[in-house]
Protein backbone atom coordinates (compact mmCIF):
# COMPACT_ATOMS: atom_id res chain seq x y z
CA MET A 1 126.17 -60.46 187.41
CA PHE A 2 122.48 -61.34 187.19
CA LEU A 3 122.67 -61.22 183.36
CA GLU A 4 125.66 -63.60 183.33
CA SER A 5 123.82 -66.01 185.67
CA PHE A 6 120.71 -65.89 183.45
CA GLU A 7 122.75 -66.56 180.28
CA THR A 8 124.61 -69.43 182.00
CA LYS A 9 121.29 -70.97 183.04
CA GLN A 10 119.93 -70.67 179.49
CA MET A 11 123.10 -72.21 178.05
CA LEU A 12 122.97 -75.09 180.53
CA GLU A 13 119.32 -75.77 179.72
CA ALA A 14 120.10 -75.73 175.99
CA ILE A 15 122.92 -78.24 176.46
CA LEU A 16 120.82 -80.57 178.60
CA GLY A 17 117.88 -80.23 176.22
CA SER A 18 119.97 -81.41 173.27
CA ILE A 19 120.95 -84.70 174.94
CA ASP A 20 119.14 -87.70 173.47
CA GLU A 21 118.30 -89.21 176.88
CA ALA A 22 115.67 -88.40 179.47
CA ILE A 23 116.88 -86.12 182.30
CA HIS A 24 114.80 -85.49 185.41
CA ALA A 25 116.09 -83.51 188.40
CA VAL A 26 114.31 -82.92 191.73
CA ASN A 27 115.16 -80.98 194.88
CA SER A 28 115.49 -82.52 198.35
CA GLU A 29 111.70 -82.52 198.78
CA GLY A 30 111.06 -84.43 195.54
CA ILE A 31 109.86 -81.37 193.61
CA THR A 32 110.91 -81.35 189.94
CA ILE A 33 113.38 -78.56 189.12
CA TYR A 34 114.46 -79.74 185.64
CA TYR A 35 112.73 -81.95 183.10
CA ASN A 36 113.75 -82.19 179.43
CA LYS A 37 111.76 -82.93 176.27
CA VAL A 38 112.98 -86.53 175.96
CA ALA A 39 111.73 -87.28 179.48
CA ALA A 40 108.38 -85.67 178.66
CA LYS A 41 108.09 -87.81 175.53
CA HIS A 42 108.81 -91.00 177.53
CA ASP A 43 106.22 -90.13 180.16
CA GLY A 44 103.56 -88.85 177.77
CA VAL A 45 103.21 -85.48 179.48
CA GLU A 46 104.08 -81.83 178.88
CA ILE A 47 107.09 -80.29 180.62
CA ASP A 48 104.86 -77.71 182.36
CA GLU A 49 102.80 -80.51 183.89
CA VAL A 50 105.88 -81.82 185.73
CA LEU A 51 107.98 -78.76 186.60
CA GLY A 52 107.39 -77.51 190.14
CA LYS A 53 105.35 -80.56 191.14
CA HIS A 54 106.14 -83.53 193.37
CA VAL A 55 107.16 -86.75 191.59
CA LEU A 56 104.38 -88.82 193.19
CA ASP A 57 101.71 -86.26 192.28
CA VAL A 58 102.61 -86.48 188.58
CA PHE A 59 103.32 -90.22 188.47
CA PRO A 60 100.78 -91.88 190.77
CA SER A 61 101.89 -95.39 189.77
CA LEU A 62 105.20 -94.77 191.61
CA THR A 63 105.68 -94.92 195.39
CA ARG A 64 108.44 -93.80 197.72
CA GLN A 65 109.78 -97.35 197.56
CA THR A 66 109.72 -97.68 193.74
CA SER A 67 110.83 -94.17 192.76
CA THR A 68 114.58 -94.19 192.19
CA LEU A 69 114.76 -90.39 192.57
CA LEU A 70 113.16 -90.43 196.03
CA LYS A 71 115.22 -93.44 197.08
CA VAL A 72 118.48 -91.65 196.22
CA ILE A 73 117.39 -88.53 198.12
CA GLU A 74 116.63 -90.71 201.15
CA THR A 75 119.80 -92.84 201.11
CA GLY A 76 122.27 -90.43 199.50
CA LYS A 77 123.65 -93.34 197.47
CA PRO A 78 123.71 -93.42 193.65
CA ILE A 79 121.88 -96.13 191.72
CA TYR A 80 123.45 -97.29 188.47
CA GLN A 81 121.78 -99.12 185.53
CA GLN A 82 118.52 -99.76 187.40
CA SER A 83 115.67 -101.10 185.29
CA GLN A 84 112.28 -99.51 185.87
CA THR A 85 108.87 -100.36 184.42
CA TYR A 86 105.92 -97.98 184.85
CA LYS A 87 102.78 -96.72 183.14
CA ASN A 88 102.89 -93.18 181.83
CA SER A 89 99.97 -90.75 181.94
CA LYS A 90 98.61 -92.22 178.67
CA GLY A 91 98.53 -95.73 180.11
CA GLN A 92 101.51 -96.89 178.04
CA LEU A 93 103.95 -99.32 179.68
CA ILE A 94 107.46 -97.82 179.64
CA ASP A 95 110.70 -99.75 180.26
CA THR A 96 113.80 -97.75 181.09
CA VAL A 97 117.30 -98.25 182.48
CA ASN A 98 118.07 -95.43 184.90
CA THR A 99 121.17 -94.00 186.49
CA THR A 100 120.27 -91.80 189.45
CA ILE A 101 122.80 -89.79 191.45
CA PRO A 102 122.42 -87.45 194.44
CA ILE A 103 123.05 -83.71 194.09
CA LYS A 104 125.19 -82.62 197.03
CA VAL A 105 125.96 -79.12 198.27
CA GLY A 106 128.72 -79.61 200.80
CA ASN A 107 127.54 -82.46 202.99
CA ARG A 108 123.87 -81.74 202.37
CA ILE A 109 121.76 -83.63 199.79
CA ALA A 110 120.11 -80.91 197.75
CA GLY A 111 118.26 -83.25 195.40
CA ALA A 112 118.81 -85.93 192.77
CA VAL A 113 119.15 -86.20 189.00
CA GLU A 114 118.15 -89.18 186.89
CA ILE A 115 119.26 -90.08 183.36
CA ALA A 116 116.99 -92.66 181.74
CA LYS A 117 117.44 -94.66 178.54
CA ASP A 118 114.22 -95.91 176.95
CA LEU A 119 114.35 -99.65 176.23
CA THR A 120 110.63 -100.13 175.59
CA LYS A 121 111.05 -101.04 171.91
CA VAL A 122 114.05 -103.27 172.60
CA LYS A 123 112.10 -105.16 175.26
CA GLN A 124 109.02 -105.47 173.04
CA LEU A 125 111.13 -106.97 170.25
CA SER A 126 112.79 -109.36 172.70
CA GLU A 127 109.42 -110.48 174.06
CA LYS A 128 108.13 -111.05 170.52
CA LEU A 129 111.20 -113.20 169.85
CA LEU A 130 110.50 -115.24 172.98
CA GLU A 131 106.86 -115.69 171.99
CA LEU A 132 107.85 -116.86 168.51
CA GLN A 133 110.37 -119.30 169.94
CA GLN A 134 107.74 -120.62 172.35
CA LYS A 135 105.22 -121.09 169.52
CA MET A 136 107.80 -122.94 167.45
CA ASN A 137 108.62 -125.28 170.31
CA ASN A 138 104.93 -126.05 170.88
CA LYS A 139 104.50 -127.49 167.35
CA LYS A 140 104.83 -131.14 168.36
CA THR A 141 103.86 -132.43 164.91
CA LYS A 142 106.92 -130.88 163.32
CA PRO A 143 109.93 -131.42 165.60
CA SER A 144 112.36 -130.25 162.89
CA SER A 145 110.74 -126.81 162.75
CA SER A 146 111.51 -126.21 166.41
CA SER A 147 115.20 -126.03 165.61
CA GLY A 148 116.39 -122.67 164.38
CA ALA A 149 119.51 -124.20 162.82
CA LYS A 150 119.49 -124.53 159.02
CA TYR A 151 123.19 -124.94 158.16
CA ASN A 152 125.17 -128.19 157.86
CA TRP A 153 128.80 -129.13 157.17
CA ASP A 154 128.14 -129.00 153.41
CA ASP A 155 127.45 -125.27 153.74
CA LEU A 156 131.05 -124.64 154.87
CA ILE A 157 132.76 -124.09 151.50
CA THR A 158 136.55 -124.37 151.68
CA ASN A 159 139.74 -125.87 150.23
CA CYS A 160 141.90 -124.23 152.91
CA ASP A 161 143.83 -126.57 155.23
CA SER A 162 143.44 -124.37 158.32
CA MET A 163 139.68 -124.13 157.74
CA LYS A 164 139.45 -127.90 157.22
CA LYS A 165 141.14 -128.41 160.60
CA VAL A 166 138.51 -126.20 162.28
CA ILE A 167 135.72 -128.20 160.64
CA SER A 168 137.35 -131.46 161.72
CA LYS A 169 137.52 -130.28 165.31
CA GLY A 170 133.93 -129.02 165.07
CA LYS A 171 132.78 -132.49 163.96
CA ARG A 172 134.40 -133.96 167.07
CA ALA A 173 132.65 -131.35 169.21
CA ALA A 174 129.31 -132.40 167.68
CA PHE A 175 129.59 -135.80 169.39
CA SER A 176 129.87 -134.14 172.80
CA SER A 177 127.64 -132.03 175.04
CA SER A 178 130.58 -130.02 176.39
CA PRO A 179 130.62 -126.23 175.93
CA VAL A 180 132.18 -124.80 172.77
CA MET A 181 133.84 -121.41 172.38
CA VAL A 182 134.19 -120.02 168.85
CA TYR A 183 136.45 -117.07 168.04
CA GLY A 184 136.63 -115.30 164.70
CA GLU A 185 136.47 -111.86 163.13
CA THR A 186 133.10 -110.47 162.13
CA GLY A 187 131.77 -112.22 159.04
CA THR A 188 133.94 -115.35 159.23
CA GLY A 189 130.93 -117.65 159.64
CA LYS A 190 130.77 -118.33 163.37
CA GLU A 191 127.02 -119.01 163.50
CA LEU A 192 127.21 -121.17 160.38
CA LEU A 193 129.81 -123.34 162.15
CA VAL A 194 127.77 -123.40 165.37
CA GLN A 195 124.58 -124.45 163.57
CA SER A 196 126.49 -127.21 161.78
CA ILE A 197 127.70 -128.54 165.13
CA HIS A 198 124.12 -128.54 166.46
CA ASN A 199 122.70 -130.28 163.37
CA ALA A 200 125.37 -133.00 163.55
CA SER A 201 124.80 -133.61 167.27
CA SER A 202 122.38 -135.83 169.18
CA ARG A 203 120.41 -132.65 169.94
CA LYS A 204 119.59 -131.91 166.30
CA SER A 205 115.86 -132.63 166.83
CA GLY A 206 115.82 -130.22 169.77
CA PRO A 207 115.68 -126.42 169.62
CA PHE A 208 118.56 -124.23 168.51
CA ILE A 209 118.25 -120.75 169.99
CA ALA A 210 120.66 -117.88 169.32
CA GLN A 211 120.97 -114.65 171.31
CA ASN A 212 123.35 -111.77 170.63
CA CYS A 213 124.38 -110.37 174.01
CA SER A 214 125.73 -107.09 172.67
CA SER A 215 124.44 -103.83 174.19
CA LEU A 216 121.79 -105.48 176.40
CA PRO A 217 121.78 -104.27 180.03
CA GLU A 218 122.02 -106.88 182.77
CA SER A 219 118.35 -106.57 183.86
CA LEU A 220 117.02 -107.18 180.32
CA LEU A 221 119.53 -109.96 179.63
CA GLU A 222 118.50 -111.72 182.84
CA SER A 223 114.79 -111.70 181.98
CA ILE A 224 115.50 -112.88 178.40
CA LEU A 225 117.73 -115.78 179.44
CA PHE A 226 116.09 -116.84 182.71
CA GLY A 227 112.46 -115.77 182.17
CA THR A 228 110.09 -113.74 184.36
CA THR A 229 107.43 -114.40 186.99
CA LYS A 230 104.10 -112.59 187.06
CA GLY A 231 104.10 -109.77 189.59
CA SER A 232 107.90 -109.58 189.94
CA PHE A 233 107.70 -106.04 188.54
CA THR A 234 105.05 -103.86 186.93
CA GLY A 235 103.87 -105.47 183.70
CA ALA A 236 105.76 -108.73 184.31
CA VAL A 237 104.11 -111.96 183.16
CA ASP A 238 104.94 -115.65 183.47
CA ARG A 239 107.33 -116.21 180.58
CA ALA A 240 109.97 -118.84 179.98
CA GLY A 241 113.50 -117.63 179.26
CA LEU A 242 115.84 -118.88 176.57
CA PHE A 243 117.37 -121.51 178.87
CA GLU A 244 113.96 -123.13 179.33
CA LEU A 245 113.10 -122.81 175.64
CA ALA A 246 116.42 -124.41 174.66
CA HIS A 247 115.86 -127.41 176.97
CA GLY A 248 117.05 -130.54 175.18
CA GLY A 249 118.83 -128.48 172.53
CA THR A 250 121.53 -125.83 172.06
CA LEU A 251 121.74 -122.24 173.30
CA PHE A 252 124.12 -120.08 171.28
CA LEU A 253 125.28 -116.86 172.99
CA ASP A 254 127.07 -114.52 170.59
CA GLU A 255 129.44 -111.73 171.71
CA ILE A 256 129.46 -113.10 175.25
CA HIS A 257 132.29 -110.73 176.23
CA THR A 258 129.81 -107.82 176.08
CA MET A 259 127.86 -109.24 179.05
CA PRO A 260 128.27 -107.28 182.30
CA LEU A 261 130.79 -109.02 184.58
CA ASP A 262 128.24 -109.45 187.37
CA PHE A 263 125.90 -111.27 185.01
CA GLN A 264 128.77 -113.47 183.80
CA ALA A 265 128.99 -114.76 187.39
CA LYS A 266 125.27 -115.68 187.30
CA LEU A 267 125.77 -117.47 183.99
CA LEU A 268 128.71 -119.39 185.41
CA ARG A 269 126.54 -120.60 188.28
CA VAL A 270 123.92 -121.91 185.83
CA LEU A 271 126.60 -123.70 183.82
CA GLU A 272 127.92 -125.36 186.98
CA ASP A 273 124.64 -126.75 188.36
CA GLY A 274 122.21 -126.56 185.41
CA VAL A 275 119.57 -124.82 187.55
CA ILE A 276 117.81 -121.56 186.64
CA ARG A 277 115.30 -119.39 188.46
CA ARG A 278 113.03 -116.89 186.74
CA VAL A 279 113.35 -113.22 187.65
CA GLY A 280 111.22 -112.60 190.74
CA GLY A 281 110.39 -116.30 191.13
CA THR A 282 111.10 -118.81 193.89
CA GLU A 283 110.80 -122.03 191.90
CA SER A 284 113.95 -123.51 190.35
CA TYR A 285 114.14 -125.37 187.03
CA ILE A 286 116.70 -127.95 185.97
CA VAL A 287 117.59 -127.44 182.32
CA ASP A 288 119.45 -129.67 179.88
CA VAL A 289 121.09 -127.22 177.50
CA ARG A 290 124.29 -127.39 175.46
CA ILE A 291 126.03 -124.00 175.56
CA ILE A 292 128.01 -122.64 172.62
CA VAL A 293 129.43 -119.12 172.77
CA ALA A 294 131.15 -116.91 170.21
CA MET A 295 133.39 -113.86 170.31
CA ASN A 296 134.76 -111.49 167.66
CA GLU A 297 137.64 -110.48 169.92
CA HIS A 298 140.20 -112.96 171.21
CA PRO A 299 139.29 -114.23 174.72
CA TYR A 300 142.80 -113.63 176.09
CA ARG A 301 142.60 -109.96 175.09
CA CYS A 302 139.10 -109.77 176.59
CA MET A 303 140.39 -111.13 179.90
CA GLU A 304 143.26 -108.63 179.86
CA LYS A 305 140.76 -105.81 179.27
CA LYS A 306 138.47 -107.12 182.08
CA LEU A 307 135.65 -107.82 179.61
CA LEU A 308 135.56 -111.56 180.28
CA ARG A 309 135.80 -113.35 183.61
CA SER A 310 138.64 -115.85 183.64
CA ASP A 311 136.58 -118.43 185.58
CA LEU A 312 133.82 -118.26 182.94
CA PHE A 313 136.40 -118.58 180.16
CA PHE A 314 137.94 -121.71 181.67
CA ARG A 315 134.47 -123.23 182.15
CA LEU A 316 133.47 -122.57 178.53
CA ASN A 317 136.80 -123.26 176.88
CA VAL A 318 136.42 -127.04 176.52
CA PHE A 319 136.37 -126.93 172.71
CA PHE A 320 138.06 -123.80 171.32
CA LEU A 321 137.49 -123.21 167.60
CA GLU A 322 139.26 -120.31 165.88
CA LEU A 323 137.97 -119.39 162.41
CA PRO A 324 140.64 -117.90 160.11
CA PRO A 325 139.82 -114.63 158.32
CA LEU A 326 139.10 -114.84 154.59
CA ARG A 327 142.39 -113.11 153.71
CA GLU A 328 144.24 -116.10 155.20
CA ARG A 329 142.13 -118.76 153.47
CA GLU A 330 144.30 -119.40 150.43
CA GLY A 331 142.38 -120.45 147.34
CA ASP A 332 138.94 -120.04 148.93
CA ILE A 333 137.88 -116.80 147.23
CA PRO A 334 137.34 -118.30 143.73
CA LEU A 335 135.52 -121.23 145.33
CA LEU A 336 133.23 -118.95 147.35
CA VAL A 337 132.63 -116.62 144.40
CA ASN A 338 131.37 -119.53 142.28
CA HIS A 339 129.23 -120.77 145.17
CA PHE A 340 127.57 -117.36 145.65
CA ILE A 341 127.02 -116.92 141.89
CA LYS A 342 125.14 -120.23 141.82
CA LYS A 343 123.13 -119.21 144.89
CA TYR A 344 122.02 -115.88 143.45
CA ASN A 345 121.43 -117.34 139.99
CA TYR A 346 118.75 -119.43 141.67
CA LEU A 347 117.38 -116.65 143.89
CA PHE A 348 117.32 -113.97 141.18
CA ASN A 349 116.37 -116.29 138.30
CA LYS A 350 119.54 -115.43 136.36
CA LEU A 351 122.09 -117.41 134.35
CA VAL A 352 125.52 -115.90 134.99
CA ILE A 353 128.10 -118.48 133.91
CA HIS A 354 131.23 -116.36 133.31
CA ILE A 355 133.29 -113.90 135.33
CA ASP A 356 135.87 -111.58 133.74
CA GLU A 357 139.51 -112.27 134.59
CA LEU A 358 139.92 -108.67 135.76
CA VAL A 359 136.95 -109.06 138.11
CA GLN A 360 138.32 -112.35 139.47
CA ALA A 361 141.73 -110.78 140.05
CA LYS A 362 140.13 -107.79 141.76
CA LEU A 363 138.17 -110.03 144.11
CA GLU A 364 141.24 -112.10 144.98
CA LYS A 365 143.39 -109.03 145.73
CA HIS A 366 140.85 -107.31 148.01
CA SER A 367 141.55 -107.56 151.77
CA TRP A 368 137.90 -108.39 152.75
CA GLN A 369 137.83 -106.85 156.22
CA GLY A 370 134.21 -108.03 156.47
CA ASN A 371 135.32 -111.54 155.50
CA VAL A 372 132.93 -114.06 153.88
CA ARG A 373 129.88 -111.93 154.69
CA GLU A 374 131.35 -108.95 152.83
CA LEU A 375 132.27 -111.15 149.85
CA GLU A 376 128.76 -112.61 149.66
CA HIS A 377 127.11 -109.19 149.79
CA THR A 378 129.48 -107.98 147.07
CA ILE A 379 128.51 -110.88 144.79
CA GLU A 380 124.83 -110.32 145.64
CA TYR A 381 125.17 -106.68 144.51
CA ALA A 382 127.01 -107.70 141.32
CA MET A 383 124.37 -110.31 140.50
CA ASN A 384 121.67 -107.67 140.89
CA MET A 385 123.54 -105.41 138.46
CA ALA A 386 124.51 -108.09 135.90
CA GLU A 387 122.57 -107.89 132.63
CA GLY A 388 123.93 -110.85 130.66
CA ASP A 389 125.67 -114.11 131.42
CA ASN A 390 128.93 -112.45 132.43
CA LEU A 391 130.08 -110.54 135.54
CA THR A 392 132.15 -107.51 134.52
CA MET A 393 133.85 -104.60 136.30
CA LYS A 394 130.80 -102.38 135.77
CA ASP A 395 128.75 -104.80 137.92
CA LEU A 396 131.00 -104.45 140.96
CA PRO A 397 130.37 -101.98 143.82
CA ASP A 398 132.17 -98.64 143.52
CA PHE A 399 134.71 -99.40 146.25
CA LEU A 400 136.10 -102.27 144.15
CA LYS A 401 136.29 -100.20 140.98
CA GLU A 402 138.80 -97.84 142.58
CA ILE A 403 142.50 -98.58 142.11
CA SER A 404 143.96 -99.82 145.36
CA SER A 405 147.18 -98.41 146.84
CA GLU A 406 148.93 -101.70 146.06
CA GLU A 407 147.90 -101.51 142.42
CA LYS A 408 149.07 -97.89 142.22
CA ILE A 409 152.53 -98.93 143.44
CA ASN A 410 152.85 -101.42 140.57
CA LEU A 411 151.87 -98.88 137.89
CA SER A 412 154.08 -96.05 136.59
CA PRO A 413 152.75 -92.83 135.04
CA LEU A 414 152.31 -93.13 131.24
CA LYS A 415 154.75 -90.31 130.40
CA GLU A 416 157.49 -91.84 132.55
CA THR A 417 156.99 -95.28 130.96
CA VAL A 418 157.05 -93.86 127.39
CA GLU A 419 160.27 -91.92 128.01
CA LYS A 420 161.96 -94.95 129.54
CA VAL A 421 161.09 -97.15 126.55
CA GLU A 422 162.10 -94.38 124.10
CA ALA A 423 165.54 -93.98 125.69
CA GLU A 424 166.11 -97.76 125.65
CA LEU A 425 165.20 -97.96 121.91
CA ILE A 426 167.57 -95.09 121.04
CA GLN A 427 170.44 -96.73 122.94
CA GLU A 428 169.78 -100.06 121.21
CA ALA A 429 169.70 -98.42 117.75
CA LEU A 430 172.98 -96.58 118.41
CA ALA A 431 174.57 -99.78 119.62
CA GLN A 432 173.56 -101.57 116.39
CA THR A 433 174.97 -98.75 114.23
CA LYS A 434 178.10 -98.36 116.38
CA GLY A 435 177.16 -94.79 117.24
CA ASN A 436 176.12 -93.66 113.74
CA ILE A 437 173.29 -91.21 114.42
CA LEU A 438 172.14 -91.03 110.78
CA LYS A 439 171.80 -94.81 110.47
CA ALA A 440 170.13 -94.98 113.87
CA SER A 441 167.57 -92.36 112.78
CA VAL A 442 166.77 -94.48 109.70
CA ILE A 443 166.23 -97.59 111.86
CA LEU A 444 163.99 -95.64 114.27
CA GLU A 445 162.23 -93.88 111.36
CA VAL A 446 162.68 -90.37 112.83
CA PRO A 447 164.52 -87.31 111.45
CA ARG A 448 168.18 -86.99 112.44
CA GLN A 449 167.48 -83.65 114.18
CA THR A 450 164.72 -85.26 116.25
CA LEU A 451 167.03 -88.09 117.29
CA GLN A 452 169.78 -85.65 118.31
CA TYR A 453 167.24 -83.66 120.35
CA LYS A 454 166.08 -86.77 122.19
CA MET A 455 169.68 -87.93 122.78
CA LYS A 456 170.36 -84.59 124.44
CA LYS A 457 167.10 -84.87 126.43
CA TYR A 458 167.98 -88.32 127.75
CA LYS A 459 171.70 -87.46 128.08
CA ILE A 460 172.76 -90.21 125.68
CA VAL A 461 176.37 -89.79 124.52
CA VAL A 462 178.18 -91.75 121.77
CA GLU A 463 181.90 -91.91 121.06
CA SER A 464 181.65 -91.18 117.34
CA THR A 465 178.90 -89.63 115.23
CA THR A 466 178.40 -89.08 111.54
């Protein structure tokens, strides 16, 4: 019994140790009873330095009020997706998002376990982005450089009627400051359309700031969009958020349906009154920002799946622009192929002026699940591989060199095709000679015995033979 318990404990520790997230468990007194390698790496300590010791003794920068583990033991209530910033034993500032739940034995709280995801690098990259945006906006001598939008209507290459309708509606949206919602599959050119709207609007001399909302927890998203106040949490400094930085310009929020629903309510409030407050601050700021959002999943499906609040949708859905996928843009593939060849001729210092008919046909038949982006990257690869002035099959990526299932359906095996043609020629020769096998063999230039063998093989019967 003892041996089974020991093996079970070892197996459990091995499983927990293989998880790529920090796990820290304490008993009801706050003494660490389990601590894995990932947690030790986050905190800059050895496992032995933490096991068997009280949380506050090992992490002196924490208190009973700021430690999520101790708070859960005290209240008995779980804490989900809580951001925490602290200095580890090496003096490094660590940012994590923690989920902490109580360990209960019957009605008694026996301890707590915390699972932490390290977001230090993500936050550092976000802060660098904010600093760069702030520096760009401070360059008063070059107002055009403060805008991050480089695309215009001329960059939207199309001959497709449905695409032209989207562009026409987008041009109308450019004359307004109302919100715009753009829907389209990945790679259809949503940001290109959004930047064109900004550059054709009265805000074109103002900043254009884009933020992808995907996979960012609510706490980090809030500080990025609304800014932070010094002292609001450990390591916090006075920093403007994207709403402040986009003042007088356009804020583009991509994949908005990935925002937590609670944060969507906060965003809705800002859209209604135009007032933001930095995280931890008391002062409010009135911002003049044009909001454009984009989604790669249809908003109605997102509302059905509870990924998008209906009240936020109806607030944002003033202009709704739906970009068609490339497979539905009839005639646009040859146009785009030529455009990308010219682009990469310039970038790669090449002079490709021809494209094989087989290559063109291959490109037009492909389904392009990645849409225009996938097509451009395919041409970029081919232009890298091209050696002369002509794009050939050998220049294409391997996935395009393979015969598609549709092409296989249209092709018959060689043996089957040869036999079919052979049988048809024999029947035609016999018809011309009115069934005379000898004369038919002369016409077909084969021995009579060979012809008789093949007639038997293909079950060809004549009324009279000679």
